[in-house]
Amino acid sequence: MDGWKGVVAVIMYTLIFVKDLDAQFPKTLYMIETGEGIAFGPEEMKRAIEAALASRDDLSELLDQPHSDGALRSYFAKILMHLPH
């Protein structure tokens, strides 16, 4: 498994029981900005999300969860837009 996949899978794990990704967005953004409650640092998570978005992999297949590849890509792209560059 590529290194980014493990990091993204951990982030996606927090979304398993989430129906409304928009409602979860502030919590996910905070987690990624601070690294709070997760085993990876903010820069590592940012790089993993960038790699995931650049990949051709179906992100919905990384972890058994209810969100489509398109929904996850949109969600992660929105997170990147809100992170400092």
Protein backbone atom coordinates (compact mmCIF):
# COMPACT_ATOMS: atom_id res chain seq x y z
CA MET A 1 0.00 0.00 0.00
CA ASP A 2 1.33 3.42 -0.93
CA GLY A 3 2.18 5.54 2.12
CA TRP A 4 -0.55 8.07 1.40
CA LYS A 5 -3.23 5.38 1.37
CA GLY A 6 -2.74 4.52 5.03
CA VAL A 7 -2.95 8.16 6.08
CA VAL A 8 -6.04 8.82 3.95
CA ALA A 9 -7.67 5.62 5.20
CA VAL A 10 -7.24 6.83 8.79
CA ILE A 11 -8.88 10.15 7.89
CA MET A 12 -11.67 8.31 6.07
CA TYR A 13 -12.22 6.11 9.12
CA THR A 14 -13.55 9.20 10.90
CA LEU A 15 -16.19 9.50 8.15
CA ILE A 16 -17.61 5.96 8.28
CA PHE A 17 -20.77 6.88 10.20
CA VAL A 18 -21.09 10.39 8.77
CA LYS A 19 -24.02 10.92 6.40
CA ASP A 20 -23.50 14.65 5.80
CA LEU A 21 -19.90 15.40 4.87
CA ASP A 22 -20.55 19.14 4.89
CA ALA A 23 -21.65 18.99 8.53
CA GLN A 24 -18.50 17.02 9.41
CA PHE A 25 -16.20 19.38 7.51
CA PRO A 26 -15.24 21.70 10.43
CA LYS A 27 -14.27 18.72 12.60
CA THR A 28 -12.19 17.11 9.87
CA LEU A 29 -10.50 20.40 9.00
CA TYR A 30 -9.63 21.00 12.67
CA MET A 31 -8.25 17.47 13.00
CA ILE A 32 -6.05 17.93 9.94
CA GLU A 33 -4.90 21.43 10.93
CA THR A 34 -3.92 20.35 14.44
CA GLY A 35 -3.26 16.62 14.20
CA GLU A 36 -5.46 16.24 17.28
CA GLY A 37 -6.88 12.78 17.79
CA ILE A 38 -4.93 11.21 14.94
CA ALA A 39 -1.53 9.56 14.62
CA PHE A 40 -0.27 11.78 11.79
CA GLY A 41 0.89 15.37 11.71
CA PRO A 42 -0.80 18.13 9.72
CA GLU A 43 1.82 18.26 6.94
CA GLU A 44 1.81 14.50 6.52
CA MET A 45 -1.98 14.48 6.20
CA LYS A 46 -1.90 17.39 3.74
CA ARG A 47 0.67 15.60 1.55
CA ALA A 48 -1.36 12.38 1.69
CA ILE A 49 -4.53 14.18 0.60
CA GLU A 50 -2.63 15.83 -2.27
CA ALA A 51 -1.30 12.40 -3.35
CA ALA A 52 -4.78 10.87 -3.10
CA LEU A 53 -6.27 13.58 -5.28
CA ALA A 54 -3.47 13.18 -7.82
CA SER A 55 -3.98 9.41 -7.99
CA ARG A 56 -6.29 7.47 -10.25
CA ASP A 57 -7.31 5.17 -7.39
CA ASP A 58 -10.96 4.92 -6.43
CA LEU A 59 -10.81 6.44 -2.96
CA SER A 60 -14.09 4.83 -1.97
CA GLU A 61 -12.37 1.44 -2.16
CA LEU A 62 -9.65 2.24 0.39
CA LEU A 63 -11.98 1.59 3.29
CA ASP A 64 -15.45 0.12 3.66
CA GLN A 65 -17.47 3.30 4.06
CA PRO A 66 -20.57 4.88 2.44
CA HIS A 67 -19.09 7.74 0.39
CA SER A 68 -18.38 7.67 -3.34
CA ASP A 69 -15.04 8.42 -4.92
CA GLY A 70 -16.42 11.71 -6.24
CA ALA A 71 -17.79 12.77 -2.86
CA LEU A 72 -14.49 11.97 -1.14
CA ARG A 73 -12.44 13.79 -3.78
CA SER A 74 -14.65 16.87 -3.45
CA TYR A 75 -14.41 16.71 0.34
CA PHE A 76 -10.63 16.38 0.33
CA ALA A 77 -10.25 19.13 -2.29
CA LYS A 78 -12.34 21.42 -0.08
CA ILE A 79 -10.11 20.61 2.88
CA LEU A 80 -6.98 21.47 0.88
CA MET A 81 -8.52 24.81 -0.14
CA HIS A 82 -8.91 25.70 3.55
CA LEU A 83 -5.42 24.68 4.66
CA PRO A 84 -2.53 27.14 4.68
CA HIS A 85 -0.26 26.78 1.65
